[in-house]
Amino acid sequence: CTFETAWTHPGPIIEAMSRQHPQLILEVNYADEDLGNNAGRYTIKNGKWFDAGWVLDGSREAYEIAFSLWGGEEEYRWDGAQHRYVYIDHDGD
């Protein structure tokens, strides 16, 4: 399932849902709409986190998690020399 929240990743809510359904394994991916920031992924079962993958803001992985959730990859390109995604200015501004 997918849902949006305001301001921040709802870790405590996901932990509580996980405890309510202890037989389920939840795979969680999250990212702010501010692409490349506050992104990560983890697995949780019965309130216990596994494979926690907090990623560095602005990293390639952070952008790619955000693209998978929000789209927008057509607006950016990977710049290997700078080791970061850069916005593609279609207007030339």
PDB file of N, CA and C in Angstrom:
ATOM      1  N   CYS A   1       0.845  -1.166   0.000  1.00  0.00           N
ATOM      2  CA  CYS A   1       0.000   0.000   0.000  1.00  0.00           C
ATOM      3  C   CYS A   1       0.895   1.235   0.000  1.00  0.00           C
ATOM      4  N   THR A   2       0.357   2.314  -0.427  1.00  0.00           N
ATOM      5  CA  THR A   2       1.079   3.580  -0.484  1.00  0.00           C
ATOM      6  C   THR A   2       0.237   4.648   0.197  1.00  0.00           C
ATOM      7  N   PHE A   3       0.883   5.523   0.943  1.00  0.00           N
ATOM      8  CA  PHE A   3       0.164   6.653   1.523  1.00  0.00           C
ATOM      9  C   PHE A   3       1.121   7.811   1.716  1.00  0.00           C
ATOM     10  N   GLU A   4       0.552   8.994   1.852  1.00  0.00           N
ATOM     11  CA  GLU A   4       1.331  10.210   2.054  1.00  0.00           C
ATOM     12  C   GLU A   4       1.027  10.769   3.437  1.00  0.00           C
ATOM     13  N   THR A   5       2.047  11.362   4.038  1.00  0.00           N
ATOM     14  CA  THR A   5       1.882  12.026   5.327  1.00  0.00           C
ATOM     15  C   THR A   5       2.510  13.413   5.238  1.00  0.00           C
ATOM     16  N   ALA A   6       2.162  14.244   6.176  1.00  0.00           N
ATOM     17  CA  ALA A   6       2.761  15.578   6.229  1.00  0.00           C
ATOM     18  C   ALA A   6       4.027  15.535   7.072  1.00  0.00           C
ATOM     19  N   TRP A   7       5.036  16.224   6.630  1.00  0.00           N
ATOM     20  CA  TRP A   7       6.256  16.553   7.367  1.00  0.00           C
ATOM     21  C   TRP A   7       7.310  15.463   7.506  1.00  0.00           C
ATOM     22  N   THR A   8       6.963  14.263   7.913  1.00  0.00           N
ATOM     23  CA  THR A   8       8.030  13.303   8.211  1.00  0.00           C
ATOM     24  C   THR A   8       7.562  11.863   8.061  1.00  0.00           C
ATOM     25  N   HIS A   9       8.511  10.968   7.997  1.00  0.00           N
ATOM     26  CA  HIS A   9       8.216   9.536   7.929  1.00  0.00           C
ATOM     27  C   HIS A   9       7.523   9.097   9.221  1.00  0.00           C
ATOM     28  N   PRO A  10       6.399   8.366   9.129  1.00  0.00           N
ATOM     29  CA  PRO A  10       5.627   8.001  10.325  1.00  0.00           C
ATOM     30  C   PRO A  10       6.104   6.698  10.970  1.00  0.00           C
ATOM     31  N   GLY A  11       7.374   6.631  11.333  1.00  0.00           N
ATOM     32  CA  GLY A  11       7.932   5.416  11.916  1.00  0.00           C
ATOM     33  C   GLY A  11       7.132   4.840  13.072  1.00  0.00           C
ATOM     34  N   PRO A  12       6.736   5.653  14.069  1.00  0.00           N
ATOM     35  CA  PRO A  12       5.972   5.101  15.191  1.00  0.00           C
ATOM     36  C   PRO A  12       4.634   4.483  14.769  1.00  0.00           C
ATOM     37  N   ILE A  13       3.995   5.057  13.771  1.00  0.00           N
ATOM     38  CA  ILE A  13       2.717   4.510  13.297  1.00  0.00           C
ATOM     39  C   ILE A  13       2.948   3.173  12.603  1.00  0.00           C
ATOM     40  N   ILE A  14       3.986   3.093  11.793  1.00  0.00           N
ATOM     41  CA  ILE A  14       4.289   1.840  11.102  1.00  0.00           C
ATOM     42  C   ILE A  14       4.673   0.765  12.109  1.00  0.00           C
ATOM     43  N   GLU A  15       5.436   1.140  13.142  1.00  0.00           N
ATOM     44  CA  GLU A  15       5.770   0.178  14.196  1.00  0.00           C
ATOM     45  C   GLU A  15       4.506  -0.342  14.873  1.00  0.00           C
ATOM     46  N   ALA A  16       3.577   0.545  15.183  1.00  0.00           N
ATOM     47  CA  ALA A  16       2.332   0.140  15.835  1.00  0.00           C
ATOM     48  C   ALA A  16       1.514  -0.783  14.931  1.00  0.00           C
ATOM     49  N   MET A  17       1.415  -0.449  13.641  1.00  0.00           N
ATOM     50  CA  MET A  17       0.689  -1.319  12.701  1.00  0.00           C
ATOM     51  C   MET A  17       1.355  -2.689  12.628  1.00  0.00           C
ATOM     52  N   SER A  18       2.673  -2.692  12.645  1.00  0.00           N
ATOM     53  CA  SER A  18       3.421  -3.940  12.582  1.00  0.00           C
ATOM     54  C   SER A  18       3.141  -4.805  13.813  1.00  0.00           C
ATOM     55  N   ARG A  19       3.049  -4.187  14.965  1.00  0.00           N
ATOM     56  CA  ARG A  19       2.744  -4.939  16.190  1.00  0.00           C
ATOM     57  C   ARG A  19       1.309  -5.467  16.180  1.00  0.00           C
ATOM     58  N   GLN A  20       0.392  -4.731  15.553  1.00  0.00           N
ATOM     59  CA  GLN A  20      -0.997  -5.183  15.465  1.00  0.00           C
ATOM     60  C   GLN A  20      -1.146  -6.383  14.539  1.00  0.00           C
ATOM     61  N   HIS A  21      -0.206  -6.539  13.607  1.00  0.00           N
ATOM     62  CA  HIS A  21      -0.235  -7.641  12.642  1.00  0.00           C
ATOM     63  C   HIS A  21       1.133  -8.320  12.652  1.00  0.00           C
ATOM     64  N   PRO A  22       1.477  -9.007  13.744  1.00  0.00           N
ATOM     65  CA  PRO A  22       2.836  -9.517  13.930  1.00  0.00           C
ATOM     66  C   PRO A  22       3.269 -10.568  12.914  1.00  0.00           C
ATOM     67  N   GLN A  23       2.339 -11.173  12.224  1.00  0.00           N
ATOM     68  CA  GLN A  23       2.690 -12.190  11.232  1.00  0.00           C
ATOM     69  C   GLN A  23       3.146 -11.577   9.907  1.00  0.00           C
ATOM     70  N   LEU A  24       2.880 -10.292   9.702  1.00  0.00           N
ATOM     71  CA  LEU A  24       3.223  -9.640   8.439  1.00  0.00           C
ATOM     72  C   LEU A  24       4.648  -9.097   8.452  1.00  0.00           C
ATOM     73  N   ILE A  25       5.284  -9.188   7.303  1.00  0.00           N
ATOM     74  CA  ILE A  25       6.576  -8.546   7.082  1.00  0.00           C
ATOM     75  C   ILE A  25       6.310  -7.351   6.176  1.00  0.00           C
ATOM     76  N   LEU A  26       6.619  -6.165   6.659  1.00  0.00           N
ATOM     77  CA  LEU A  26       6.392  -4.947   5.889  1.00  0.00           C
ATOM     78  C   LEU A  26       7.712  -4.450   5.318  1.00  0.00           C
ATOM     79  N   GLU A  27       7.719  -4.196   4.033  1.00  0.00           N
ATOM     80  CA  GLU A  27       8.874  -3.581   3.387  1.00  0.00           C
ATOM     81  C   GLU A  27       8.523  -2.126   3.143  1.00  0.00           C
ATOM     82  N   VAL A  28       9.260  -1.230   3.761  1.00  0.00           N
ATOM     83  CA  VAL A  28       8.926   0.191   3.770  1.00  0.00           C
ATOM     84  C   VAL A  28       9.970   0.973   2.980  1.00  0.00           C
ATOM     85  N   ASN A  29       9.491   1.790   2.051  1.00  0.00           N
ATOM     86  CA  ASN A  29      10.320   2.752   1.326  1.00  0.00           C
ATOM     87  C   ASN A  29       9.703   4.116   1.581  1.00  0.00           C
ATOM     88  N   TYR A  30      10.524   5.107   1.834  1.00  0.00           N
ATOM     89  CA  TYR A  30       9.988   6.444   2.083  1.00  0.00           C
ATOM     90  C   TYR A  30      10.922   7.506   1.528  1.00  0.00           C
ATOM     91  N   ALA A  31      10.331   8.638   1.171  1.00  0.00           N
ATOM     92  CA  ALA A  31      11.103   9.777   0.669  1.00  0.00           C
ATOM     93  C   ALA A  31      10.223  11.014   0.699  1.00  0.00           C
ATOM     94  N   ASP A  32      10.814  12.130   1.074  1.00  0.00           N
ATOM     95  CA  ASP A  32      10.101  13.401   0.997  1.00  0.00           C
ATOM     96  C   ASP A  32       9.837  13.760  -0.458  1.00  0.00           C
ATOM     97  N   GLU A  33       8.863  14.624  -0.665  1.00  0.00           N
ATOM     98  CA  GLU A  33       8.605  15.122  -2.019  1.00  0.00           C
ATOM     99  C   GLU A  33       9.727  16.037  -2.495  1.00  0.00           C
ATOM    100  N   ASP A  34      10.557  16.486  -1.576  1.00  0.00           N
ATOM    101  CA  ASP A  34      11.771  17.232  -1.897  1.00  0.00           C
ATOM    102  C   ASP A  34      12.801  16.186  -2.326  1.00  0.00           C
ATOM    103  N   LEU A  35      12.800  15.867  -3.612  1.00  0.00           N
ATOM    104  CA  LEU A  35      13.548  14.722  -4.128  1.00  0.00           C
ATOM    105  C   LEU A  35      14.984  14.677  -3.628  1.00  0.00           C
ATOM    106  N   GLY A  36      15.387  13.489  -3.193  1.00  0.00           N
ATOM    107  CA  GLY A  36      16.752  13.269  -2.746  1.00  0.00           C
ATOM    108  C   GLY A  36      16.987  13.536  -1.270  1.00  0.00           C
ATOM    109  N   ASN A  37      15.926  13.844  -0.528  1.00  0.00           N
ATOM    110  CA  ASN A  37      16.065  14.153   0.895  1.00  0.00           C
ATOM    111  C   ASN A  37      15.139  13.286   1.737  1.00  0.00           C
ATOM    112  N   ASN A  38      15.610  12.975   2.940  1.00  0.00           N
ATOM    113  CA  ASN A  38      14.818  12.197   3.903  1.00  0.00           C
ATOM    114  C   ASN A  38      14.255  10.927   3.275  1.00  0.00           C
ATOM    115  N   ALA A  39      15.124  10.143   2.696  1.00  0.00           N
ATOM    116  CA  ALA A  39      14.725   8.899   2.034  1.00  0.00           C
ATOM    117  C   ALA A  39      15.383   7.713   2.722  1.00  0.00           C
ATOM    118  N   GLY A  40      14.740   6.567   2.606  1.00  0.00           N
ATOM    119  CA  GLY A  40      15.311   5.347   3.158  1.00  0.00           C
ATOM    120  C   GLY A  40      14.409   4.163   2.894  1.00  0.00           C
ATOM    121  N   ARG A  41      14.844   3.022   3.399  1.00  0.00           N
ATOM    122  CA  ARG A  41      14.056   1.795   3.261  1.00  0.00           C
ATOM    123  C   ARG A  41      14.419   0.865   4.403  1.00  0.00           C
ATOM    124  N   TYR A  42      13.445   0.052   4.799  1.00  0.00           N
ATOM    125  CA  TYR A  42      13.691  -0.947   5.834  1.00  0.00           C
ATOM    126  C   TYR A  42      12.591  -1.992   5.789  1.00  0.00           C
ATOM    127  N   THR A  43      12.826  -3.072   6.503  1.00  0.00           N
ATOM    128  CA  THR A  43      11.846  -4.138   6.676  1.00  0.00           C
ATOM    129  C   THR A  43      11.501  -4.172   8.157  1.00  0.00           C
ATOM    130  N   ILE A  44      10.221  -4.425   8.461  1.00  0.00           N
ATOM    131  CA  ILE A  44       9.793  -4.462   9.859  1.00  0.00           C
ATOM    132  C   ILE A  44       8.823  -5.624  10.056  1.00  0.00           C
ATOM    133  N   LYS A  45       8.974  -6.319  11.167  1.00  0.00           N
ATOM    134  CA  LYS A  45       8.056  -7.404  11.532  1.00  0.00           C
ATOM    135  C   LYS A  45       7.852  -7.350  13.040  1.00  0.00           C
ATOM    136  N   ASN A  46       6.595  -7.348  13.451  1.00  0.00           N
ATOM    137  CA  ASN A  46       6.229  -7.323  14.868  1.00  0.00           C
ATOM    138  C   ASN A  46       6.948  -6.199  15.627  1.00  0.00           C
ATOM    139  N   GLY A  47       7.065  -5.034  14.982  1.00  0.00           N
ATOM    140  CA  GLY A  47       7.664  -3.862  15.612  1.00  0.00           C
ATOM    141  C   GLY A  47       9.174  -3.826  15.604  1.00  0.00           C
ATOM    142  N   LYS A  48       9.811  -4.844  15.037  1.00  0.00           N
ATOM    143  CA  LYS A  48      11.277  -4.885  14.994  1.00  0.00           C
ATOM    144  C   LYS A  48      11.767  -4.566  13.589  1.00  0.00           C
ATOM    145  N   TRP A  49      12.714  -3.634  13.512  1.00  0.00           N
ATOM    146  CA  TRP A  49      13.250  -3.182  12.227  1.00  0.00           C
ATOM    147  C   TRP A  49      14.416  -4.071  11.812  1.00  0.00           C
ATOM    148  N   PHE A  50      14.439  -4.437  10.526  1.00  0.00           N
ATOM    149  CA  PHE A  50      15.525  -5.214   9.941  1.00  0.00           C
ATOM    150  C   PHE A  50      15.984  -4.502   8.675  1.00  0.00           C
ATOM    151  N   ASP A  51      17.192  -4.729   8.299  1.00  0.00           N
ATOM    152  CA  ASP A  51      17.711  -4.178   7.038  1.00  0.00           C
ATOM    153  C   ASP A  51      17.440  -2.686   6.916  1.00  0.00           C
ATOM    154  N   ALA A  52      17.608  -1.954   8.009  1.00  0.00           N
ATOM    155  CA  ALA A  52      17.359  -0.514   7.962  1.00  0.00           C
ATOM    156  C   ALA A  52      18.343   0.132   6.998  1.00  0.00           C
ATOM    157  N   GLY A  53      17.815   0.957   6.114  1.00  0.00           N
ATOM    158  CA  GLY A  53      18.648   1.566   5.096  1.00  0.00           C
ATOM    159  C   GLY A  53      18.467   3.064   5.000  1.00  0.00           C
ATOM    160  N   TRP A  54      18.823   3.773   6.059  1.00  0.00           N
ATOM    161  CA  TRP A  54      18.796   5.224   5.964  1.00  0.00           C
ATOM    162  C   TRP A  54      19.902   5.636   5.013  1.00  0.00           C
ATOM    163  N   VAL A  55      19.588   6.549   4.156  1.00  0.00           N
ATOM    164  CA  VAL A  55      20.565   6.944   3.137  1.00  0.00           C
ATOM    165  C   VAL A  55      20.892   8.427   3.273  1.00  0.00           C
ATOM    166  N   LEU A  56      22.028   8.780   2.776  1.00  0.00           N
ATOM    167  CA  LEU A  56      22.524  10.149   2.851  1.00  0.00           C
ATOM    168  C   LEU A  56      21.706  11.067   1.947  1.00  0.00           C
ATOM    169  N   ASP A  57      21.253  12.200   2.483  1.00  0.00           N
ATOM    170  CA  ASP A  57      20.537  13.180   1.662  1.00  0.00           C
ATOM    171  C   ASP A  57      21.383  13.563   0.457  1.00  0.00           C
ATOM    172  N   GLY A  58      20.737  13.643  -0.700  1.00  0.00           N
ATOM    173  CA  GLY A  58      21.412  14.044  -1.923  1.00  0.00           C
ATOM    174  C   GLY A  58      22.168  12.926  -2.612  1.00  0.00           C
ATOM    175  N   SER A  59      22.189  11.733  -2.020  1.00  0.00           N
ATOM    176  CA  SER A  59      22.918  10.615  -2.622  1.00  0.00           C
ATOM    177  C   SER A  59      22.131  10.031  -3.799  1.00  0.00           C
ATOM    178  N   ARG A  60      22.831   9.284  -4.599  1.00  0.00           N
ATOM    179  CA  ARG A  60      22.189   8.630  -5.743  1.00  0.00           C
ATOM    180  C   ARG A  60      21.044   7.737  -5.266  1.00  0.00           C
ATOM    181  N   GLU A  61      21.292   6.970  -4.202  1.00  0.00           N
ATOM    182  CA  GLU A  61      20.259   6.081  -3.681  1.00  0.00           C
ATOM    183  C   GLU A  61      19.044   6.860  -3.184  1.00  0.00           C
ATOM    184  N   ALA A  62      19.264   7.990  -2.522  1.00  0.00           N
ATOM    185  CA  ALA A  62      18.148   8.803  -2.031  1.00  0.00           C
ATOM    186  C   ALA A  62      17.274   9.273  -3.189  1.00  0.00           C
ATOM    187  N   TYR A  63      17.904   9.745  -4.261  1.00  0.00           N
ATOM    188  CA  TYR A  63      17.139  10.166  -5.435  1.00  0.00           C
ATOM    189  C   TYR A  63      16.396   8.988  -6.053  1.00  0.00           C
ATOM    190  N   GLU A  64      17.046   7.840  -6.154  1.00  0.00           N
ATOM    191  CA  GLU A  64      16.413   6.704  -6.817  1.00  0.00           C
ATOM    192  C   GLU A  64      15.243   6.150  -6.014  1.00  0.00           C
ATOM    193  N   ILE A  65      15.325   6.181  -4.692  1.00  0.00           N
ATOM    194  CA  ILE A  65      14.170   5.814  -3.872  1.00  0.00           C
ATOM    195  C   ILE A  65      13.042   6.813  -4.122  1.00  0.00           C
ATOM    196  N   ALA A  66      13.366   8.100  -4.116  1.00  0.00           N
ATOM    197  CA  ALA A  66      12.351   9.134  -4.355  1.00  0.00           C
ATOM    198  C   ALA A  66      11.719   8.978  -5.734  1.00  0.00           C
ATOM    199  N   PHE A  67      12.522   8.728  -6.758  1.00  0.00           N
ATOM    200  CA  PHE A  67      11.970   8.534  -8.101  1.00  0.00           C
ATOM    201  C   PHE A  67      10.999   7.358  -8.120  1.00  0.00           C
ATOM    202  N   SER A  68      11.329   6.283  -7.414  1.00  0.00           N
ATOM    203  CA  SER A  68      10.457   5.105  -7.419  1.00  0.00           C
ATOM    204  C   SER A  68       9.114   5.393  -6.755  1.00  0.00           C
ATOM    205  N   LEU A  69       9.089   6.348  -5.831  1.00  0.00           N
ATOM    206  CA  LEU A  69       7.855   6.686  -5.118  1.00  0.00           C
ATOM    207  C   LEU A  69       7.109   7.865  -5.731  1.00  0.00           C
ATOM    208  N   TRP A  70       7.844   8.861  -6.191  1.00  0.00           N
ATOM    209  CA  TRP A  70       7.242  10.104  -6.649  1.00  0.00           C
ATOM    210  C   TRP A  70       7.306  10.311  -8.157  1.00  0.00           C
ATOM    211  N   GLY A  71       8.171   9.546  -8.847  1.00  0.00           N
ATOM    212  CA  GLY A  71       8.412   9.834 -10.262  1.00  0.00           C
ATOM    213  C   GLY A  71       9.356  11.020 -10.371  1.00  0.00           C
ATOM    214  N   GLY A  72       9.444  11.603 -11.564  1.00  0.00           N
ATOM    215  CA  GLY A  72      10.260  12.790 -11.766  1.00  0.00           C
ATOM    216  C   GLY A  72      11.641  12.530 -12.313  1.00  0.00           C
ATOM    217  N   GLU A  73      11.977  11.261 -12.542  1.00  0.00           N
ATOM    218  CA  GLU A  73      13.327  10.959 -13.017  1.00  0.00           C
ATOM    219  C   GLU A  73      13.640  11.568 -14.372  1.00  0.00           C
ATOM    220  N   GLU A  74      12.598  11.895 -15.150  1.00  0.00           N
ATOM    221  CA  GLU A  74      12.827  12.524 -16.459  1.00  0.00           C
ATOM    222  C   GLU A  74      13.299  13.973 -16.320  1.00  0.00           C
ATOM    223  N   GLU A  75      13.208  14.526 -15.131  1.00  0.00           N
ATOM    224  CA  GLU A  75      13.621  15.908 -14.877  1.00  0.00           C
ATOM    225  C   GLU A  75      15.070  16.014 -14.391  1.00  0.00           C
ATOM    226  N   TYR A  76      15.721  14.866 -14.189  1.00  0.00           N
ATOM    227  CA  TYR A  76      17.079  14.847 -13.652  1.00  0.00           C
ATOM    228  C   TYR A  76      17.955  13.913 -14.469  1.00  0.00           C
ATOM    229  N   ARG A  77      19.258  14.136 -14.386  1.00  0.00           N
ATOM    230  CA  ARG A  77      20.211  13.206 -14.985  1.00  0.00           C
ATOM    231  C   ARG A  77      21.358  13.015 -14.000  1.00  0.00           C
ATOM    232  N   TRP A  78      21.955  11.828 -14.047  1.00  0.00           N
ATOM    233  CA  TRP A  78      23.097  11.545 -13.184  1.00  0.00           C
ATOM    234  C   TRP A  78      24.336  12.165 -13.800  1.00  0.00           C
ATOM    235  N   ASP A  79      25.050  12.949 -13.043  1.00  0.00           N
ATOM    236  CA  ASP A  79      26.301  13.552 -13.490  1.00  0.00           C
ATOM    237  C   ASP A  79      27.430  12.799 -12.799  1.00  0.00           C
ATOM    238  N   GLY A  80      28.081  11.913 -13.545  1.00  0.00           N
ATOM    239  CA  GLY A  80      29.136  11.086 -12.978  1.00  0.00           C
ATOM    240  C   GLY A  80      30.322  11.879 -12.475  1.00  0.00           C
ATOM    241  N   ALA A  81      30.624  12.999 -13.120  1.00  0.00           N
ATOM    242  CA  ALA A  81      31.760  13.820 -12.694  1.00  0.00           C
ATOM    243  C   ALA A  81      31.495  14.469 -11.332  1.00  0.00           C
ATOM    244  N   GLN A  82      30.236  14.900 -11.122  1.00  0.00           N
ATOM    245  CA  GLN A  82      29.882  15.548  -9.856  1.00  0.00           C
ATOM    246  C   GLN A  82      29.344  14.553  -8.826  1.00  0.00           C
ATOM    247  N   HIS A  83      29.093  13.323  -9.261  1.00  0.00           N
ATOM    248  CA  HIS A  83      28.546  12.267  -8.394  1.00  0.00           C
ATOM    249  C   HIS A  83      27.231  12.699  -7.745  1.00  0.00           C
ATOM    250  N   ARG A  84      26.353  13.251  -8.586  1.00  0.00           N
ATOM    251  CA  ARG A  84      25.041  13.656  -8.076  1.00  0.00           C
ATOM    252  C   ARG A  84      24.066  13.794  -9.232  1.00  0.00           C
ATOM    253  N   TYR A  85      22.779  13.782  -8.886  1.00  0.00           N
ATOM    254  CA  TYR A  85      21.751  14.082  -9.875  1.00  0.00           C
ATOM    255  C   TYR A  85      21.665  15.590 -10.030  1.00  0.00           C
ATOM    256  N   VAL A  86      21.502  16.035 -11.264  1.00  0.00           N
ATOM    257  CA  VAL A  86      21.325  17.459 -11.531  1.00  0.00           C
ATOM    258  C   VAL A  86      20.019  17.654 -12.284  1.00  0.00           C
ATOM    259  N   TYR A  87      19.364  18.752 -11.984  1.00  0.00           N
ATOM    260  CA  TYR A  87      18.096  19.087 -12.623  1.00  0.00           C
ATOM    261  C   TYR A  87      18.343  19.444 -14.084  1.00  0.00           C
ATOM    262  N   ILE A  88      17.480  18.955 -14.957  1.00  0.00           N
ATOM    263  CA  ILE A  88      17.563  19.284 -16.378  1.00  0.00           C
ATOM    264  C   ILE A  88      16.708  20.516 -16.609  1.00  0.00           C
ATOM    265  N   ASP A  89      17.330  21.602 -16.993  1.00  0.00           N
ATOM    266  CA  ASP A  89      16.620  22.855 -17.243  1.00  0.00           C
ATOM    267  C   ASP A  89      16.135  22.856 -18.688  1.00  0.00           C
ATOM    268  N   HIS A  90      14.865  22.513 -18.892  1.00  0.00           N
ATOM    269  CA  HIS A  90      14.303  22.420 -20.236  1.00  0.00           C
ATOM    270  C   HIS A  90      14.084  23.785 -20.878  1.00  0.00           C
ATOM    271  N   ASP A  91      14.005  24.833 -20.068  1.00  0.00           N
ATOM    272  CA  ASP A  91      13.760  26.181 -20.584  1.00  0.00           C
ATOM    273  C   ASP A  91      15.049  26.943 -20.869  1.00  0.00           C
ATOM    274  N   GLY A  92      16.157  26.425 -20.416  1.00  0.00           N
ATOM    275  CA  GLY A  92      17.432  27.101 -20.621  1.00  0.00           C
ATOM    276  C   GLY A  92      17.657  28.269 -19.695  1.00  0.00           C
ATOM    277  N   ASP A  93      16.855  28.370 -18.641  1.00  0.00           N
ATOM    278  CA  ASP A  93      17.001  29.482 -17.678  1.00  0.00           C
ATOM    279  C   ASP A  93      18.127  29.213 -16.717  1.00  0.00           C
TER     280      ASP A  93
END
